[in-house]
Protein backbone atom coordinates (compact mmCIF):
# COMPACT_ATOMS: atom_id res chain seq x y z
CA MET A 1 -13.01 26.42 -15.61
CA LYS A 2 -13.36 22.82 -14.38
CA ASN A 3 -16.88 22.07 -13.14
CA ARG A 4 -17.39 18.71 -11.44
CA PHE A 5 -21.17 18.96 -11.67
CA LEU A 6 -21.00 19.56 -15.43
CA ASP A 7 -18.57 16.66 -15.89
CA LYS A 8 -21.02 14.35 -14.13
CA PHE A 9 -23.94 15.48 -16.29
CA ARG A 10 -22.00 15.04 -19.52
CA SER A 11 -21.01 11.51 -18.54
CA GLY A 12 -24.58 10.60 -17.57
CA GLU A 13 -23.77 10.22 -13.86
CA PRO A 14 -26.09 11.44 -11.08
CA SER A 15 -24.78 14.26 -8.93
CA VAL A 16 -25.50 15.38 -5.39
CA GLY A 17 -25.13 18.81 -3.82
CA THR A 18 -26.42 20.73 -0.83
CA PHE A 19 -27.24 24.29 0.18
CA PHE A 20 -24.61 26.33 2.03
CA GLU A 21 -26.40 28.36 4.70
CA MET A 22 -23.87 28.71 7.52
CA GLY A 23 -20.20 29.40 8.04
CA GLY A 24 -17.51 31.11 6.05
CA PRO A 25 -14.44 30.20 4.00
CA ALA A 26 -13.25 27.46 6.37
CA VAL A 27 -16.58 25.68 6.06
CA GLY A 28 -16.51 26.13 2.29
CA GLU A 29 -13.02 24.67 2.26
CA MET A 30 -14.19 21.66 4.28
CA ILE A 31 -17.37 21.02 2.29
CA ALA A 32 -15.37 21.09 -0.96
CA LEU A 33 -13.38 18.14 0.41
CA THR A 34 -16.46 15.95 0.80
CA GLU A 35 -17.98 13.64 -1.80
CA LEU A 36 -20.48 16.32 -2.82
CA ASP A 37 -20.37 17.35 -6.47
CA TYR A 38 -21.42 20.94 -5.76
CA PHE A 39 -22.78 23.19 -3.05
CA VAL A 40 -25.00 26.24 -3.37
CA ILE A 41 -24.02 29.39 -1.48
CA ASP A 42 -27.44 30.80 -0.65
CA GLY A 43 -27.67 34.49 -1.44
CA GLU A 44 -31.48 34.43 -1.41
CA HIS A 45 -32.35 33.01 2.02
CA GLY A 46 -28.81 32.94 3.39
CA PRO A 47 -26.68 35.85 4.70
CA TYR A 48 -24.09 35.99 1.92
CA ASP A 49 -23.10 39.01 -0.13
CA VAL A 50 -20.63 39.13 -3.01
CA LEU A 51 -17.49 39.58 -0.90
CA GLN A 52 -18.39 36.68 1.40
CA ALA A 53 -19.26 34.47 -1.56
CA ALA A 54 -15.92 35.29 -3.19
CA ASP A 55 -14.01 34.19 -0.08
CA ILE A 56 -15.98 30.93 0.14
CA ILE A 57 -15.47 30.21 -3.57
CA ARG A 58 -11.75 30.90 -3.29
CA ALA A 59 -11.40 28.56 -0.31
CA ALA A 60 -13.39 25.82 -2.02
CA GLU A 61 -11.37 26.02 -5.24
CA GLY A 62 -8.13 25.71 -3.32
CA ALA A 63 -9.23 22.70 -1.30
CA GLY A 64 -11.39 20.23 -3.14
CA THR A 65 -13.49 19.37 -6.14
CA ALA A 66 -17.08 20.24 -5.20
CA ALA A 67 -18.19 23.05 -7.52
CA PRO A 68 -19.25 26.26 -5.74
CA PHE A 69 -22.60 27.50 -7.05
CA VAL A 70 -24.51 30.56 -5.86
CA ARG A 71 -28.23 31.12 -5.55
CA VAL A 72 -28.47 34.84 -6.26
CA LYS A 73 -30.93 37.10 -4.48
CA ASP A 74 -32.82 38.05 -7.67
CA SER A 75 -32.51 38.23 -11.46
CA GLN A 76 -31.12 41.76 -11.68
CA ARG A 77 -27.97 42.42 -13.72
CA ASN A 78 -25.67 43.22 -10.79
CA SER A 79 -26.83 40.16 -8.85
CA ILE A 80 -25.88 37.91 -11.77
CA LEU A 81 -22.79 39.65 -13.11
CA ARG A 82 -20.94 40.08 -9.83
CA MET A 83 -21.38 36.50 -8.62
CA LEU A 84 -20.08 35.20 -11.96
CA ASP A 85 -17.15 37.61 -11.81
CA VAL A 86 -16.06 36.27 -8.40
CA GLY A 87 -16.00 32.74 -9.81
CA ALA A 88 -19.34 31.00 -9.19
CA LYS A 89 -19.47 27.86 -11.33
CA GLY A 90 -23.24 28.12 -11.62
CA LEU A 91 -26.04 30.48 -10.67
CA ILE A 92 -29.48 29.43 -9.50
CA ILE A 93 -31.92 32.27 -10.09
CA PRO A 94 -35.01 32.22 -7.82
CA GLN A 95 -38.61 33.29 -8.42
CA VAL A 96 -38.39 33.36 -12.20
CA GLN A 97 -41.71 34.43 -13.66
CA SER A 98 -41.52 34.62 -17.46
CA VAL A 99 -39.68 33.87 -20.67
CA ASP A 100 -38.73 37.53 -21.04
CA GLU A 101 -37.11 37.50 -17.60
CA VAL A 102 -35.12 34.40 -18.54
CA ARG A 103 -33.91 36.05 -21.74
CA ARG A 104 -32.68 39.00 -19.67
CA ILE A 105 -30.88 36.57 -17.35
CA VAL A 106 -29.06 35.11 -20.34
CA GLU A 107 -28.27 38.60 -21.60
CA TYR A 108 -26.68 39.47 -18.25
CA GLY A 109 -24.98 36.12 -17.60
CA LYS A 110 -23.56 34.91 -20.93
CA TYR A 111 -20.84 36.55 -22.99
CA TYR A 112 -21.10 37.37 -26.69
CA PRO A 113 -22.50 35.87 -28.90
CA VAL A 114 -25.00 34.18 -26.54
CA GLY A 115 -25.59 37.23 -24.34
CA SER A 116 -24.02 40.58 -23.59
CA ARG A 117 -22.35 39.99 -20.21
CA GLY A 118 -20.05 42.83 -19.28
CA PHE A 119 -16.34 42.02 -19.41
CA ALA A 120 -13.53 42.87 -17.01
CA PRO A 121 -10.43 40.99 -15.79
CA THR A 122 -11.98 39.87 -12.51
CA ARG A 123 -11.29 37.11 -10.01
CA ASN A 124 -13.01 34.63 -12.33
CA SER A 125 -10.00 34.82 -14.67
CA LEU A 126 -7.52 35.45 -11.84
CA TYR A 127 -7.51 39.03 -13.05
CA GLY A 128 -6.52 37.98 -16.55
CA CYS A 129 -3.71 35.64 -15.42
CA SER A 130 -5.43 32.23 -15.52
CA ASP A 131 -4.65 29.71 -18.25
CA ASP A 132 -8.25 30.05 -19.45
CA ALA A 133 -7.70 33.75 -20.11
CA LYS A 134 -4.43 33.42 -22.06
CA GLY A 135 -6.02 32.88 -25.46
CA SER A 136 -8.20 35.32 -27.32
CA VAL A 137 -10.99 37.18 -25.60
CA GLN A 138 -13.54 35.17 -27.59
CA GLU A 139 -11.96 31.89 -26.47
CA TYR A 140 -12.32 33.03 -22.87
CA PHE A 141 -15.92 34.03 -23.52
CA ASP A 142 -16.66 30.61 -24.98
CA ARG A 143 -15.13 28.82 -21.98
CA CYS A 144 -17.17 30.90 -19.53
CA ASN A 145 -20.37 30.42 -21.52
CA THR A 146 -19.87 26.65 -21.35
CA SER A 147 -18.65 26.19 -17.79
CA GLN A 148 -20.46 28.91 -15.80
CA LEU A 149 -24.03 27.68 -15.67
CA LEU A 150 -27.29 29.66 -15.66
CA ILE A 151 -30.06 27.74 -13.90
CA PRO A 152 -33.48 29.38 -13.54
CA GLN A 153 -35.50 28.06 -10.62
CA CYS A 154 -38.97 26.72 -11.41
CA GLU A 155 -41.02 27.60 -8.35
CA THR A 156 -43.74 29.94 -9.66
CA MET A 157 -46.83 29.36 -11.76
CA GLY A 158 -45.44 31.74 -14.37
CA CYS A 159 -42.33 29.62 -14.79
CA LEU A 160 -44.29 26.35 -14.74
CA GLU A 161 -46.75 27.51 -17.39
CA ALA A 162 -43.91 28.61 -19.69
CA ILE A 163 -41.44 25.85 -18.84
CA GLU A 164 -41.23 24.43 -22.36
CA GLU A 165 -40.20 27.77 -23.82
CA ILE A 166 -37.96 28.66 -20.87
CA ALA A 167 -36.05 25.38 -20.99
CA ALA A 168 -35.44 25.85 -24.71
CA VAL A 169 -33.91 29.33 -24.40
CA ASP A 170 -30.34 29.37 -25.70
CA GLY A 171 -28.06 30.15 -22.76
CA VAL A 172 -30.21 28.39 -20.16
CA ASP A 173 -28.09 25.43 -19.06
CA GLY A 174 -30.65 23.67 -16.89
CA ILE A 175 -33.57 24.08 -14.53
CA PHE A 176 -33.71 23.84 -10.73
CA VAL A 177 -37.04 22.82 -9.22
CA GLY A 178 -37.90 24.33 -5.84
CA PRO A 179 -40.62 21.94 -4.66
CA TYR A 180 -41.71 23.89 -1.59
CA ASP A 181 -42.33 27.22 -3.28
CA LEU A 182 -43.78 25.48 -6.34
CA SER A 183 -46.27 23.64 -4.15
CA VAL A 184 -47.17 26.92 -2.44
CA ALA A 185 -47.70 28.55 -5.84
CA MET A 186 -50.02 25.66 -6.73
CA GLY A 187 -52.09 26.28 -3.58
CA ALA A 188 -51.05 23.11 -1.74
CA PRO A 189 -48.00 23.85 0.44
CA ALA A 190 -45.67 20.84 0.81
CA GLN A 191 -48.37 18.44 -0.43
CA PHE A 192 -45.94 16.61 -2.66
CA ASP A 193 -48.10 13.49 -3.04
CA ARG A 194 -50.92 15.31 -4.82
CA PRO A 195 -51.41 14.16 -8.44
CA GLU A 196 -51.33 17.77 -9.62
CA PHE A 197 -47.88 18.26 -8.14
CA ALA A 198 -46.56 15.01 -9.60
CA ALA A 199 -47.91 16.11 -12.99
CA ALA A 200 -46.14 19.47 -12.65
CA LEU A 201 -42.80 17.78 -11.92
CA LYS A 202 -43.30 15.46 -14.88
CA ARG A 203 -44.03 18.44 -17.13
CA VAL A 204 -40.87 20.25 -16.02
CA LEU A 205 -38.70 17.16 -16.37
CA GLU A 206 -39.99 16.33 -19.84
CA ALA A 207 -39.54 19.92 -21.05
CA VAL A 208 -35.95 20.03 -19.80
CA GLN A 209 -35.10 16.64 -21.26
CA ARG A 210 -36.52 17.62 -24.64
CA ALA A 211 -34.25 20.66 -24.57
CA GLY A 212 -31.25 18.41 -23.88
CA LYS A 213 -30.46 20.08 -20.57
CA PHE A 214 -30.18 19.03 -16.93
CA CYS A 215 -32.81 19.17 -14.22
CA ILE A 216 -32.01 19.53 -10.51
CA ILE A 217 -34.47 19.28 -7.62
CA TYR A 218 -34.25 19.89 -3.89
CA ALA A 219 -34.87 16.94 -1.56
CA ASP A 220 -35.17 16.84 2.23
CA SER A 221 -33.79 13.33 2.79
CA GLU A 222 -31.78 10.55 1.27
CA ASP A 223 -34.94 8.52 0.58
CA ALA A 224 -36.52 11.49 -1.18
CA ALA A 225 -33.35 11.97 -3.22
CA VAL A 226 -33.37 8.34 -4.38
CA LYS A 227 -37.01 8.74 -5.41
CA ARG A 228 -36.22 11.85 -7.46
CA PHE A 229 -33.36 10.12 -9.24
CA ALA A 230 -35.70 7.22 -10.06
CA GLU A 231 -38.12 9.74 -11.58
CA GLY A 232 -35.41 10.90 -13.96
CA PHE A 233 -33.86 13.98 -12.34
CA ASP A 234 -30.17 14.43 -13.13
CA SER A 235 -29.20 15.89 -9.78
CA VAL A 236 -30.48 16.41 -6.25
CA ALA A 237 -29.61 19.21 -3.86
CA LEU A 238 -29.84 17.33 -0.58
CA SER A 239 -31.09 19.44 2.31
CA MET A 240 -28.92 22.21 3.80
CA ASP A 241 -25.62 22.15 5.62
CA CYS A 242 -27.22 23.35 8.87
CA ILE A 243 -29.79 20.53 8.81
CA LEU A 244 -27.21 17.88 7.89
CA TYR A 245 -24.93 19.14 10.67
CA ARG A 246 -27.72 18.88 13.25
CA ARG A 247 -28.70 15.42 12.07
CA ALA A 248 -25.12 14.20 12.24
CA ILE A 249 -24.63 15.49 15.79
CA ASN A 250 -27.96 14.12 17.01
CA GLY A 251 -27.23 10.79 15.34
CA ALA A 252 -23.84 10.54 17.04
CA VAL A 253 -25.31 11.43 20.43
CA ALA A 254 -28.13 8.92 19.98
CA ALA A 255 -25.65 6.18 19.06
CA ILE A 256 -23.59 6.84 22.20
CA LYS A 257 -26.62 6.92 24.46
CA GLY A 258 -27.99 3.78 22.81
CA ALA A 259 -24.72 1.95 23.48
CA LEU A 260 -24.88 2.95 27.13
């Protein structure tokens, strides 16, 4: 049940992750060996289903320390339950619209007494053989409720307008801000310098901090990430693996050509 991201938050340290959009278990194994604190297997925009996610999570757990998260495709029960059962250390839930939807997410994703997540001896407990599963059932429930994180994504006007109540819901561990879709919802796509957008981020951050929870935001670049940390965000999901891979290759090629 170890979760490097959660350890960083509890100790007051910033954490950095990225989105996992390409590759399979071997890439997950490699990315878990980096200095990242977590990576997000993208089941919304990416190509991953439950079986693929399970293989990537398994490879990552066996190799390194970066926590494998999943962004699920939607907030339906099966989307949440199955990704937790294969061992995701956290779920990011996209396009959240209301407090009622968030309460259903908690119902599906947290065990008794916080929610009513369905129980079975799945891969998450090594089919009932892990050390975490050797105590009572309630002890296992409590460990999962603490270490497997539910993170609604604030990227709609519905979520923004109810963010104070959403952040305070018992069972919500933190909030992930999707700046692109949030700016689109506000009628100003990618216009991040607008005062209205800055005010929206401030509102989200203050609501989450008042609730005593963490707030993550996506950032395109290292400079943008540093700015978000300075604003008070606890964590930044830096770009996507495919973009970082392209930048690294182009940077290496440019350095060689420059030397010649």
